Amino acid sequence: EYRREFDTNVLGPLLLIREAVRHFGPNGGSVVNIGSGASRMCPPGYSVYSASKAALDAVTVVLSKELAPRKVRVNSVN
């Protein structure tokens, strides 16, 4: 279950963003990740899911800083 959740919620977006950014021109672009309130509420029974969405939140914040010089906005809808 761990591998499935993290591959879907963290690795998948990372690979997709890497590929998408290659196609953005000099005017930049936008990346919108799909997060979840579970990353902050941490409900019982959702440890792996909550952790994977928290990891995606962290990836979103880091990439927003790293890609800002290229005029790429990275945000999340939670």
PDB file of N, CA and C in Angstrom:
ATOM      1  N   GLU A   1       0.826  -1.193   0.000  1.00  0.00           N
ATOM      2  CA  GLU A   1       0.000   0.000   0.000  1.00  0.00           C
ATOM      3  C   GLU A   1       0.871   1.258   0.000  1.00  0.00           C
ATOM      4  N   TYR A   2       1.948   1.217   0.756  1.00  0.00           N
ATOM      5  CA  TYR A   2       2.861   2.364   0.812  1.00  0.00           C
ATOM      6  C   TYR A   2       3.355   2.721  -0.582  1.00  0.00           C
ATOM      7  N   ARG A   3       3.868   1.734  -1.282  1.00  0.00           N
ATOM      8  CA  ARG A   3       4.449   1.975  -2.613  1.00  0.00           C
ATOM      9  C   ARG A   3       3.389   2.533  -3.563  1.00  0.00           C
ATOM     10  N   ARG A   4       2.184   1.975  -3.517  1.00  0.00           N
ATOM     11  CA  ARG A   4       1.119   2.435  -4.411  1.00  0.00           C
ATOM     12  C   ARG A   4       0.764   3.891  -4.129  1.00  0.00           C
ATOM     13  N   GLU A   5       0.604   4.236  -2.867  1.00  0.00           N
ATOM     14  CA  GLU A   5       0.233   5.608  -2.494  1.00  0.00           C
ATOM     15  C   GLU A   5       1.326   6.609  -2.869  1.00  0.00           C
ATOM     16  N   PHE A   6       2.571   6.281  -2.542  1.00  0.00           N
ATOM     17  CA  PHE A   6       3.656   7.223  -2.829  1.00  0.00           C
ATOM     18  C   PHE A   6       3.967   7.303  -4.326  1.00  0.00           C
ATOM     19  N   ASP A   7       3.841   6.194  -5.036  1.00  0.00           N
ATOM     20  CA  ASP A   7       4.038   6.254  -6.487  1.00  0.00           C
ATOM     21  C   ASP A   7       2.973   7.129  -7.141  1.00  0.00           C
ATOM     22  N   THR A   8       1.740   7.025  -6.666  1.00  0.00           N
ATOM     23  CA  THR A   8       0.633   7.799  -7.229  1.00  0.00           C
ATOM     24  C   THR A   8       0.691   9.261  -6.813  1.00  0.00           C
ATOM     25  N   ASN A   9       0.898   9.525  -5.539  1.00  0.00           N
ATOM     26  CA  ASN A   9       0.751  10.879  -5.003  1.00  0.00           C
ATOM     27  C   ASN A   9       2.032  11.703  -4.947  1.00  0.00           C
ATOM     28  N   VAL A  10       3.189  11.069  -5.105  1.00  0.00           N
ATOM     29  CA  VAL A  10       4.445  11.816  -5.049  1.00  0.00           C
ATOM     30  C   VAL A  10       5.264  11.597  -6.331  1.00  0.00           C
ATOM     31  N   LEU A  11       5.590  10.366  -6.627  1.00  0.00           N
ATOM     32  CA  LEU A  11       6.420  10.094  -7.803  1.00  0.00           C
ATOM     33  C   LEU A  11       5.726  10.508  -9.095  1.00  0.00           C
ATOM     34  N   GLY A  12       4.454  10.190  -9.228  1.00  0.00           N
ATOM     35  CA  GLY A  12       3.708  10.549 -10.439  1.00  0.00           C
ATOM     36  C   GLY A  12       3.748  12.047 -10.717  1.00  0.00           C
ATOM     37  N   PRO A  13       3.354  12.876  -9.742  1.00  0.00           N
ATOM     38  CA  PRO A  13       3.436  14.316  -9.970  1.00  0.00           C
ATOM     39  C   PRO A  13       4.856  14.812 -10.264  1.00  0.00           C
ATOM     40  N   LEU A  14       5.855  14.279  -9.578  1.00  0.00           N
ATOM     41  CA  LEU A  14       7.234  14.694  -9.841  1.00  0.00           C
ATOM     42  C   LEU A  14       7.634  14.422 -11.290  1.00  0.00           C
ATOM     43  N   LEU A  15       7.322  13.233 -11.774  1.00  0.00           N
ATOM     44  CA  LEU A  15       7.677  12.883 -13.151  1.00  0.00           C
ATOM     45  C   LEU A  15       6.898  13.733 -14.154  1.00  0.00           C
ATOM     46  N   LEU A  16       5.635  13.967 -13.876  1.00  0.00           N
ATOM     47  CA  LEU A  16       4.807  14.770 -14.767  1.00  0.00           C
ATOM     48  C   LEU A  16       5.285  16.218 -14.808  1.00  0.00           C
ATOM     49  N   ILE A  17       5.607  16.776 -13.656  1.00  0.00           N
ATOM     50  CA  ILE A  17       6.097  18.158 -13.602  1.00  0.00           C
ATOM     51  C   ILE A  17       7.418  18.277 -14.357  1.00  0.00           C
ATOM     52  N   ARG A  18       8.303  17.326 -14.143  1.00  0.00           N
ATOM     53  CA  ARG A  18       9.593  17.361 -14.846  1.00  0.00           C
ATOM     54  C   ARG A  18       9.380  17.412 -16.356  1.00  0.00           C
ATOM     55  N   GLU A  19       8.476  16.600 -16.854  1.00  0.00           N
ATOM     56  CA  GLU A  19       8.209  16.567 -18.294  1.00  0.00           C
ATOM     57  C   GLU A  19       7.500  17.836 -18.760  1.00  0.00           C
ATOM     58  N   ALA A  20       6.532  18.306 -18.010  1.00  0.00           N
ATOM     59  CA  ALA A  20       5.761  19.494 -18.406  1.00  0.00           C
ATOM     60  C   ALA A  20       6.647  20.731 -18.486  1.00  0.00           C
ATOM     61  N   VAL A  21       7.526  20.896 -17.519  1.00  0.00           N
ATOM     62  CA  VAL A  21       8.378  22.089 -17.477  1.00  0.00           C
ATOM     63  C   VAL A  21       9.275  22.171 -18.707  1.00  0.00           C
ATOM     64  N   ARG A  22       9.612  21.045 -19.270  1.00  0.00           N
ATOM     65  CA  ARG A  22      10.428  21.036 -20.494  1.00  0.00           C
ATOM     66  C   ARG A  22       9.715  21.714 -21.665  1.00  0.00           C
ATOM     67  N   HIS A  23       8.390  21.741 -21.604  1.00  0.00           N
ATOM     68  CA  HIS A  23       7.601  22.296 -22.699  1.00  0.00           C
ATOM     69  C   HIS A  23       7.180  23.737 -22.468  1.00  0.00           C
ATOM     70  N   PHE A  24       7.452  24.282 -21.291  1.00  0.00           N
ATOM     71  CA  PHE A  24       7.114  25.673 -21.010  1.00  0.00           C
ATOM     72  C   PHE A  24       8.105  26.578 -21.723  1.00  0.00           C
ATOM     73  N   GLY A  25       7.599  27.637 -22.291  1.00  0.00           N
ATOM     74  CA  GLY A  25       8.454  28.588 -22.999  1.00  0.00           C
ATOM     75  C   GLY A  25       9.008  29.641 -22.062  1.00  0.00           C
ATOM     76  N   PRO A  26       9.525  30.716 -22.622  1.00  0.00           N
ATOM     77  CA  PRO A  26      10.135  31.781 -21.816  1.00  0.00           C
ATOM     78  C   PRO A  26       9.133  32.528 -20.939  1.00  0.00           C
ATOM     79  N   ASN A  27       7.846  32.425 -21.256  1.00  0.00           N
ATOM     80  CA  ASN A  27       6.823  33.073 -20.435  1.00  0.00           C
ATOM     81  C   ASN A  27       6.421  32.227 -19.236  1.00  0.00           C
ATOM     82  N   GLY A  28       7.022  31.060 -19.076  1.00  0.00           N
ATOM     83  CA  GLY A  28       6.732  30.212 -17.927  1.00  0.00           C
ATOM     84  C   GLY A  28       5.441  29.452 -18.080  1.00  0.00           C
ATOM     85  N   GLY A  29       4.809  29.193 -16.957  1.00  0.00           N
ATOM     86  CA  GLY A  29       3.575  28.412 -16.954  1.00  0.00           C
ATOM     87  C   GLY A  29       3.123  28.157 -15.533  1.00  0.00           C
ATOM     88  N   SER A  30       2.143  27.300 -15.419  1.00  0.00           N
ATOM     89  CA  SER A  30       1.589  26.975 -14.105  1.00  0.00           C
ATOM     90  C   SER A  30       1.511  25.469 -13.913  1.00  0.00           C
ATOM     91  N   VAL A  31       1.783  25.054 -12.697  1.00  0.00           N
ATOM     92  CA  VAL A  31       1.617  23.669 -12.279  1.00  0.00           C
ATOM     93  C   VAL A  31       0.650  23.705 -11.099  1.00  0.00           C
ATOM     94  N   VAL A  32      -0.385  22.889 -11.154  1.00  0.00           N
ATOM     95  CA  VAL A  32      -1.334  22.806 -10.046  1.00  0.00           C
ATOM     96  C   VAL A  32      -1.408  21.358  -9.588  1.00  0.00           C
ATOM     97  N   ASN A  33      -0.931  21.114  -8.376  1.00  0.00           N
ATOM     98  CA  ASN A  33      -0.992  19.779  -7.788  1.00  0.00           C
ATOM     99  C   ASN A  33      -2.311  19.613  -7.042  1.00  0.00           C
ATOM    100  N   ILE A  34      -2.755  18.376  -6.923  1.00  0.00           N
ATOM    101  CA  ILE A  34      -3.984  18.072  -6.195  1.00  0.00           C
ATOM    102  C   ILE A  34      -3.593  17.484  -4.848  1.00  0.00           C
ATOM    103  N   GLY A  35      -3.730  18.307  -3.823  1.00  0.00           N
ATOM    104  CA  GLY A  35      -3.389  17.881  -2.471  1.00  0.00           C
ATOM    105  C   GLY A  35      -4.614  17.355  -1.739  1.00  0.00           C
ATOM    106  N   SER A  36      -4.541  17.404  -0.425  1.00  0.00           N
ATOM    107  CA  SER A  36      -5.649  16.927   0.397  1.00  0.00           C
ATOM    108  C   SER A  36      -5.543  17.526   1.785  1.00  0.00           C
ATOM    109  N   GLY A  37      -6.679  17.836   2.364  1.00  0.00           N
ATOM    110  CA  GLY A  37      -6.696  18.299   3.747  1.00  0.00           C
ATOM    111  C   GLY A  37      -6.173  17.244   4.706  1.00  0.00           C
ATOM    112  N   ALA A  38      -6.132  15.997   4.248  1.00  0.00           N
ATOM    113  CA  ALA A  38      -5.621  14.912   5.092  1.00  0.00           C
ATOM    114  C   ALA A  38      -4.159  15.122   5.457  1.00  0.00           C
ATOM    115  N   SER A  39      -3.449  15.905   4.660  1.00  0.00           N
ATOM    116  CA  SER A  39      -2.039  16.142   4.962  1.00  0.00           C
ATOM    117  C   SER A  39      -1.866  16.961   6.239  1.00  0.00           C
ATOM    118  N   ARG A  40      -2.904  17.681   6.639  1.00  0.00           N
ATOM    119  CA  ARG A  40      -2.835  18.474   7.874  1.00  0.00           C
ATOM    120  C   ARG A  40      -3.745  17.922   8.973  1.00  0.00           C
ATOM    121  N   MET A  41      -4.868  17.328   8.586  1.00  0.00           N
ATOM    122  CA  MET A  41      -5.806  16.789   9.587  1.00  0.00           C
ATOM    123  C   MET A  41      -5.312  15.475  10.165  1.00  0.00           C
ATOM    124  N   CYS A  42      -4.605  14.699   9.344  1.00  0.00           N
ATOM    125  CA  CYS A  42      -4.036  13.415   9.761  1.00  0.00           C
ATOM    126  C   CYS A  42      -5.072  12.519  10.453  1.00  0.00           C
ATOM    127  N   PRO A  43      -6.142  12.156   9.735  1.00  0.00           N
ATOM    128  CA  PRO A  43      -7.184  11.339  10.352  1.00  0.00           C
ATOM    129  C   PRO A  43      -6.704   9.912  10.630  1.00  0.00           C
ATOM    130  N   PRO A  44      -7.239   9.287  11.675  1.00  0.00           N
ATOM    131  CA  PRO A  44      -6.885   7.896  11.982  1.00  0.00           C
ATOM    132  C   PRO A  44      -7.163   6.990  10.782  1.00  0.00           C
ATOM    133  N   GLY A  45      -6.261   6.064  10.554  1.00  0.00           N
ATOM    134  CA  GLY A  45      -6.415   5.113   9.462  1.00  0.00           C
ATOM    135  C   GLY A  45      -5.877   5.598   8.128  1.00  0.00           C
ATOM    136  N   TYR A  46      -5.359   6.803   8.085  1.00  0.00           N
ATOM    137  CA  TYR A  46      -4.877   7.381   6.839  1.00  0.00           C
ATOM    138  C   TYR A  46      -3.400   7.750   6.904  1.00  0.00           C
ATOM    139  N   SER A  47      -2.615   6.997   7.636  1.00  0.00           N
ATOM    140  CA  SER A  47      -1.218   7.379   7.844  1.00  0.00           C
ATOM    141  C   SER A  47      -0.429   7.459   6.539  1.00  0.00           C
ATOM    142  N   VAL A  48      -0.539   6.462   5.693  1.00  0.00           N
ATOM    143  CA  VAL A  48       0.244   6.459   4.453  1.00  0.00           C
ATOM    144  C   VAL A  48      -0.289   7.506   3.479  1.00  0.00           C
ATOM    145  N   TYR A  49      -1.598   7.592   3.347  1.00  0.00           N
ATOM    146  CA  TYR A  49      -2.192   8.590   2.447  1.00  0.00           C
ATOM    147  C   TYR A  49      -1.836   9.996   2.919  1.00  0.00           C
ATOM    148  N   SER A  50      -2.002  10.272   4.202  1.00  0.00           N
ATOM    149  CA  SER A  50      -1.680  11.592   4.745  1.00  0.00           C
ATOM    150  C   SER A  50      -0.213  11.928   4.528  1.00  0.00           C
ATOM    151  N   ALA A  51       0.659  10.950   4.746  1.00  0.00           N
ATOM    152  CA  ALA A  51       2.094  11.177   4.557  1.00  0.00           C
ATOM    153  C   ALA A  51       2.417  11.469   3.091  1.00  0.00           C
ATOM    154  N   SER A  52       1.766  10.758   2.178  1.00  0.00           N
ATOM    155  CA  SER A  52       2.052  10.991   0.761  1.00  0.00           C
ATOM    156  C   SER A  52       1.568  12.370   0.327  1.00  0.00           C
ATOM    157  N   LYS A  53       0.436  12.814   0.840  1.00  0.00           N
ATOM    158  CA  LYS A  53      -0.063  14.144   0.480  1.00  0.00           C
ATOM    159  C   LYS A  53       0.760  15.240   1.160  1.00  0.00           C
ATOM    160  N   ALA A  54       1.269  14.981   2.352  1.00  0.00           N
ATOM    161  CA  ALA A  54       2.167  15.937   3.005  1.00  0.00           C
ATOM    162  C   ALA A  54       3.464  16.052   2.209  1.00  0.00           C
ATOM    163  N   ALA A  55       3.939  14.924   1.686  1.00  0.00           N
ATOM    164  CA  ALA A  55       5.134  14.960   0.840  1.00  0.00           C
ATOM    165  C   ALA A  55       4.870  15.781  -0.420  1.00  0.00           C
ATOM    166  N   LEU A  56       3.698  15.637  -0.998  1.00  0.00           N
ATOM    167  CA  LEU A  56       3.360  16.429  -2.185  1.00  0.00           C
ATOM    168  C   LEU A  56       3.279  17.910  -1.832  1.00  0.00           C
ATOM    169  N   ASP A  57       2.764  18.238  -0.657  1.00  0.00           N
ATOM    170  CA  ASP A  57       2.756  19.638  -0.215  1.00  0.00           C
ATOM    171  C   ASP A  57       4.175  20.190  -0.154  1.00  0.00           C
ATOM    172  N   ALA A  58       5.097  19.399   0.384  1.00  0.00           N
ATOM    173  CA  ALA A  58       6.494  19.833   0.485  1.00  0.00           C
ATOM    174  C   ALA A  58       7.107  19.996  -0.906  1.00  0.00           C
ATOM    175  N   VAL A  59       6.846  19.059  -1.793  1.00  0.00           N
ATOM    176  CA  VAL A  59       7.349  19.146  -3.164  1.00  0.00           C
ATOM    177  C   VAL A  59       6.821  20.415  -3.828  1.00  0.00           C
ATOM    178  N   THR A  60       5.564  20.723  -3.600  1.00  0.00           N
ATOM    179  CA  THR A  60       4.954  21.913  -4.190  1.00  0.00           C
ATOM    180  C   THR A  60       5.657  23.184  -3.730  1.00  0.00           C
ATOM    181  N   VAL A  61       5.920  23.293  -2.443  1.00  0.00           N
ATOM    182  CA  VAL A  61       6.574  24.487  -1.907  1.00  0.00           C
ATOM    183  C   VAL A  61       8.003  24.610  -2.437  1.00  0.00           C
ATOM    184  N   VAL A  62       8.732  23.514  -2.431  1.00  0.00           N
ATOM    185  CA  VAL A  62      10.126  23.554  -2.902  1.00  0.00           C
ATOM    186  C   VAL A  62      10.190  23.897  -4.386  1.00  0.00           C
ATOM    187  N   LEU A  63       9.349  23.241  -5.188  1.00  0.00           N
ATOM    188  CA  LEU A  63       9.386  23.523  -6.628  1.00  0.00           C
ATOM    189  C   LEU A  63       8.911  24.937  -6.943  1.00  0.00           C
ATOM    190  N   SER A  64       8.007  25.474  -6.134  1.00  0.00           N
ATOM    191  CA  SER A  64       7.580  26.857  -6.382  1.00  0.00           C
ATOM    192  C   SER A  64       8.758  27.814  -6.244  1.00  0.00           C
ATOM    193  N   LYS A  65       9.655  27.522  -5.328  1.00  0.00           N
ATOM    194  CA  LYS A  65      10.850  28.345  -5.145  1.00  0.00           C
ATOM    195  C   LYS A  65      11.895  28.079  -6.228  1.00  0.00           C
ATOM    196  N   GLU A  66      12.083  26.806  -6.560  1.00  0.00           N
ATOM    197  CA  GLU A  66      13.097  26.453  -7.546  1.00  0.00           C
ATOM    198  C   GLU A  66      12.729  26.917  -8.956  1.00  0.00           C
ATOM    199  N   LEU A  67      11.448  26.879  -9.291  1.00  0.00           N
ATOM    200  CA  LEU A  67      11.028  27.190 -10.652  1.00  0.00           C
ATOM    201  C   LEU A  67      10.610  28.646 -10.849  1.00  0.00           C
ATOM    202  N   ALA A  68      10.537  29.410  -9.763  1.00  0.00           N
ATOM    203  CA  ALA A  68      10.136  30.822  -9.857  1.00  0.00           C
ATOM    204  C   ALA A  68      11.017  31.625 -10.822  1.00  0.00           C
ATOM    205  N   PRO A  69      12.333  31.431 -10.830  1.00  0.00           N
ATOM    206  CA  PRO A  69      13.152  32.203 -11.776  1.00  0.00           C
ATOM    207  C   PRO A  69      12.805  31.931 -13.249  1.00  0.00           C
ATOM    208  N   ARG A  70      12.165  30.792 -13.508  1.00  0.00           N
ATOM    209  CA  ARG A  70      11.758  30.460 -14.884  1.00  0.00           C
ATOM    210  C   ARG A  70      10.307  30.873 -15.149  1.00  0.00           C
ATOM    211  N   LYS A  71       9.732  31.646 -14.234  1.00  0.00           N
ATOM    212  CA  LYS A  71       8.355  32.129 -14.340  1.00  0.00           C
ATOM    213  C   LYS A  71       7.340  30.990 -14.329  1.00  0.00           C
ATOM    214  N   VAL A  72       7.663  29.928 -13.613  1.00  0.00           N
ATOM    215  CA  VAL A  72       6.748  28.806 -13.450  1.00  0.00           C
ATOM    216  C   VAL A  72       6.161  28.877 -12.053  1.00  0.00           C
ATOM    217  N   ARG A  73       4.837  28.969 -11.991  1.00  0.00           N
ATOM    218  CA  ARG A  73       4.137  28.982 -10.701  1.00  0.00           C
ATOM    219  C   ARG A  73       3.742  27.552 -10.355  1.00  0.00           C
ATOM    220  N   VAL A  74       3.979  27.168  -9.111  1.00  0.00           N
ATOM    221  CA  VAL A  74       3.612  25.836  -8.641  1.00  0.00           C
ATOM    222  C   VAL A  74       2.730  26.016  -7.409  1.00  0.00           C
ATOM    223  N   ASN A  75       1.513  25.540  -7.518  1.00  0.00           N
ATOM    224  CA  ASN A  75       0.538  25.649  -6.435  1.00  0.00           C
ATOM    225  C   ASN A  75      -0.156  24.319  -6.221  1.00  0.00           C
ATOM    226  N   SER A  76      -0.958  24.284  -5.179  1.00  0.00           N
ATOM    227  CA  SER A  76      -1.702  23.068  -4.853  1.00  0.00           C
ATOM    228  C   SER A  76      -3.131  23.426  -4.480  1.00  0.00           C
ATOM    229  N   VAL A  77      -4.050  22.614  -4.906  1.00  0.00           N
ATOM    230  CA  VAL A  77      -5.443  22.706  -4.485  1.00  0.00           C
ATOM    231  C   VAL A  77      -5.648  21.601  -3.467  1.00  0.00           C
ATOM    232  N   ASN A  78      -5.956  21.990  -2.242  1.00  0.00           N
ATOM    233  CA  ASN A  78      -6.154  20.987  -1.190  1.00  0.00           C
ATOM    234  C   ASN A  78      -7.613  20.964  -0.781  1.00  0.00           C
TER     235      ASN A  78
END
